[in-house]
Amino acid sequence: MSTEIKSTTVESKRTTTELQPYKDAEVLRELYIEDGHTQTEIAEFYNIDQSTVHYWLNKYGISDEEAGE
């Protein structure tokens, strides 16, 4: 019986980037560089703080110069 529960639990888990797409480098690069959204706009869209967006951009080496800011 515990095997069924465990199997169901594993199948229902989602990756972090599915639940929090702002942590995905490709998503950030598209929004920030290609689409030209500001950190504040991205933060408001995902209902997070601007400093969180800044953290992830910095972590992935996505710079303000690339975005033209």
N, C-alpha and C. Protein backbone atom coordinates (compact mmCIF):
# COMPACT_ATOMS: atom_id res chain seq x y z
N MET A 1 0.82 -1.19 0.00
CA MET A 1 0.00 0.00 0.00
C MET A 1 0.87 1.27 0.00
N SER A 2 1.92 1.29 0.77
CA SER A 2 2.78 2.47 0.82
C SER A 2 3.47 2.71 -0.52
N THR A 3 3.67 1.66 -1.31
CA THR A 3 4.28 1.80 -2.62
C THR A 3 3.38 2.61 -3.54
N GLU A 4 2.09 2.39 -3.50
CA GLU A 4 1.15 3.16 -4.32
C GLU A 4 1.19 4.63 -3.97
N ILE A 5 1.19 4.94 -2.71
CA ILE A 5 1.22 6.34 -2.28
C ILE A 5 2.50 7.01 -2.74
N LYS A 6 3.61 6.33 -2.55
CA LYS A 6 4.90 6.88 -2.94
C LYS A 6 4.95 7.11 -4.45
N SER A 7 4.48 6.16 -5.22
CA SER A 7 4.48 6.28 -6.68
C SER A 7 3.64 7.46 -7.14
N THR A 8 2.48 7.63 -6.55
CA THR A 8 1.60 8.75 -6.89
C THR A 8 2.24 10.08 -6.53
N THR A 9 2.88 10.13 -5.38
CA THR A 9 3.54 11.36 -4.94
C THR A 9 4.66 11.76 -5.90
N VAL A 10 5.47 10.81 -6.32
CA VAL A 10 6.58 11.09 -7.23
C VAL A 10 6.05 11.59 -8.56
N GLU A 11 5.00 10.98 -9.07
CA GLU A 11 4.45 11.37 -10.36
C GLU A 11 3.84 12.77 -10.32
N SER A 12 3.35 13.21 -9.19
CA SER A 12 2.69 14.50 -9.11
C SER A 12 3.64 15.66 -8.83
N LYS A 13 4.90 15.36 -8.54
CA LYS A 13 5.86 16.44 -8.25
C LYS A 13 6.20 17.19 -9.53
N ARG A 14 6.40 18.47 -9.40
CA ARG A 14 6.80 19.30 -10.53
C ARG A 14 8.17 19.87 -10.24
N THR A 15 8.85 20.24 -11.30
CA THR A 15 10.17 20.83 -11.11
C THR A 15 10.03 22.24 -10.57
N THR A 16 11.09 22.72 -9.97
CA THR A 16 11.09 24.07 -9.40
C THR A 16 10.79 25.11 -10.46
N THR A 17 11.36 24.96 -11.65
CA THR A 17 11.14 25.98 -12.68
C THR A 17 9.73 25.95 -13.24
N GLU A 18 9.03 24.82 -13.12
CA GLU A 18 7.62 24.80 -13.53
C GLU A 18 6.77 25.60 -12.55
N LEU A 19 7.11 25.51 -11.28
CA LEU A 19 6.35 26.21 -10.26
C LEU A 19 6.81 27.64 -10.08
N GLN A 20 8.08 27.88 -10.36
CA GLN A 20 8.67 29.21 -10.20
C GLN A 20 9.50 29.54 -11.45
N PRO A 21 8.83 29.87 -12.55
CA PRO A 21 9.54 30.05 -13.83
C PRO A 21 10.58 31.16 -13.82
N TYR A 22 10.47 32.11 -12.89
CA TYR A 22 11.45 33.19 -12.81
C TYR A 22 12.82 32.67 -12.39
N LYS A 23 12.92 31.42 -11.98
CA LYS A 23 14.20 30.81 -11.63
C LYS A 23 14.86 30.14 -12.83
N ASP A 24 14.22 30.19 -13.97
CA ASP A 24 14.73 29.57 -15.19
C ASP A 24 15.48 30.61 -16.02
N ALA A 25 16.73 30.32 -16.36
CA ALA A 25 17.57 31.26 -17.10
C ALA A 25 16.96 31.63 -18.45
N GLU A 26 16.39 30.65 -19.15
CA GLU A 26 15.80 30.93 -20.46
C GLU A 26 14.60 31.85 -20.35
N VAL A 27 13.77 31.62 -19.36
CA VAL A 27 12.59 32.47 -19.15
C VAL A 27 13.04 33.89 -18.84
N LEU A 28 14.00 34.03 -17.94
CA LEU A 28 14.48 35.37 -17.59
C LEU A 28 15.11 36.08 -18.77
N ARG A 29 15.93 35.36 -19.52
CA ARG A 29 16.59 35.97 -20.69
C ARG A 29 15.54 36.44 -21.69
N GLU A 30 14.51 35.64 -21.91
CA GLU A 30 13.46 36.02 -22.86
C GLU A 30 12.72 37.27 -22.38
N LEU A 31 12.30 37.27 -21.13
CA LEU A 31 11.54 38.40 -20.60
C LEU A 31 12.39 39.66 -20.50
N TYR A 32 13.61 39.52 -20.00
CA TYR A 32 14.44 40.68 -19.69
C TYR A 32 15.19 41.20 -20.91
N ILE A 33 15.80 40.31 -21.68
CA ILE A 33 16.62 40.74 -22.82
C ILE A 33 15.78 40.87 -24.09
N GLU A 34 15.12 39.78 -24.46
CA GLU A 34 14.41 39.76 -25.74
C GLU A 34 13.16 40.63 -25.74
N ASP A 35 12.35 40.52 -24.66
CA ASP A 35 11.10 41.28 -24.61
C ASP A 35 11.27 42.67 -24.02
N GLY A 36 12.39 42.91 -23.34
CA GLY A 36 12.69 44.24 -22.81
C GLY A 36 11.92 44.64 -21.55
N HIS A 37 11.42 43.67 -20.81
CA HIS A 37 10.72 43.99 -19.56
C HIS A 37 11.73 44.38 -18.48
N THR A 38 11.33 45.26 -17.59
CA THR A 38 12.18 45.65 -16.49
C THR A 38 12.11 44.59 -15.38
N GLN A 39 13.06 44.67 -14.45
CA GLN A 39 13.04 43.77 -13.31
C GLN A 39 11.76 43.95 -12.51
N THR A 40 11.34 45.18 -12.39
CA THR A 40 10.10 45.48 -11.64
C THR A 40 8.89 44.86 -12.32
N GLU A 41 8.81 44.96 -13.63
CA GLU A 41 7.69 44.37 -14.36
C GLU A 41 7.65 42.85 -14.21
N ILE A 42 8.82 42.23 -14.29
CA ILE A 42 8.90 40.78 -14.12
C ILE A 42 8.47 40.40 -12.71
N ALA A 43 8.95 41.15 -11.73
CA ALA A 43 8.60 40.89 -10.33
C ALA A 43 7.10 41.02 -10.10
N GLU A 44 6.49 42.06 -10.64
CA GLU A 44 5.06 42.26 -10.47
C GLU A 44 4.26 41.13 -11.14
N PHE A 45 4.71 40.69 -12.30
CA PHE A 45 4.03 39.62 -13.02
C PHE A 45 4.00 38.33 -12.19
N TYR A 46 5.14 38.00 -11.57
CA TYR A 46 5.24 36.76 -10.78
C TYR A 46 4.91 36.97 -9.31
N ASN A 47 4.52 38.19 -8.95
CA ASN A 47 4.17 38.52 -7.57
C ASN A 47 5.31 38.21 -6.59
N ILE A 48 6.50 38.67 -6.97
CA ILE A 48 7.69 38.51 -6.14
C ILE A 48 8.37 39.86 -6.02
N ASP A 49 9.38 39.94 -5.18
CA ASP A 49 10.11 41.19 -4.99
C ASP A 49 11.11 41.39 -6.13
N GLN A 50 11.36 42.64 -6.47
CA GLN A 50 12.32 42.96 -7.52
C GLN A 50 13.70 42.42 -7.19
N SER A 51 14.05 42.39 -5.92
CA SER A 51 15.38 41.88 -5.53
C SER A 51 15.52 40.39 -5.85
N THR A 52 14.42 39.67 -5.87
CA THR A 52 14.46 38.25 -6.24
C THR A 52 14.79 38.11 -7.72
N VAL A 53 14.18 38.93 -8.54
CA VAL A 53 14.48 38.92 -9.98
C VAL A 53 15.94 39.29 -10.18
N HIS A 54 16.39 40.32 -9.48
CA HIS A 54 17.79 40.75 -9.58
C HIS A 54 18.74 39.61 -9.21
N TYR A 55 18.42 38.91 -8.13
CA TYR A 55 19.25 37.79 -7.68
C TYR A 55 19.41 36.74 -8.78
N TRP A 56 18.30 36.33 -9.39
CA TRP A 56 18.36 35.28 -10.39
C TRP A 56 19.02 35.76 -11.68
N LEU A 57 18.79 37.00 -12.06
CA LEU A 57 19.50 37.54 -13.23
C LEU A 57 21.00 37.53 -12.98
N ASN A 58 21.39 37.96 -11.81
CA ASN A 58 22.80 38.00 -11.42
C ASN A 58 23.38 36.59 -11.40
N LYS A 59 22.67 35.65 -10.83
CA LYS A 59 23.11 34.26 -10.72
C LYS A 59 23.41 33.67 -12.10
N TYR A 60 22.60 34.01 -13.09
CA TYR A 60 22.78 33.48 -14.44
C TYR A 60 23.64 34.37 -15.32
N GLY A 61 24.15 35.47 -14.78
CA GLY A 61 25.02 36.35 -15.55
C GLY A 61 24.30 37.15 -16.61
N ILE A 62 23.03 37.39 -16.41
CA ILE A 62 22.24 38.20 -17.34
C ILE A 62 22.35 39.64 -16.85
N SER A 63 22.99 40.48 -17.66
CA SER A 63 23.33 41.82 -17.19
C SER A 63 22.41 42.91 -17.71
N ASP A 64 22.46 44.04 -17.01
CA ASP A 64 21.71 45.22 -17.43
C ASP A 64 22.17 45.71 -18.80
N GLU A 65 23.45 45.57 -19.10
CA GLU A 65 23.97 46.02 -20.40
C GLU A 65 23.32 45.26 -21.56
N GLU A 66 23.08 43.98 -21.35
CA GLU A 66 22.41 43.18 -22.38
C GLU A 66 21.01 43.68 -22.64
N ALA A 67 20.36 44.15 -21.57
CA ALA A 67 18.97 44.60 -21.68
C ALA A 67 18.87 46.04 -22.13
N GLY A 68 20.00 46.72 -22.15
CA GLY A 68 19.99 48.12 -22.57
C GLY A 68 19.55 49.07 -21.50
N GLU A 69 19.61 48.66 -20.23
CA GLU A 69 19.21 49.54 -19.12
C GLU A 69 20.40 50.36 -18.67
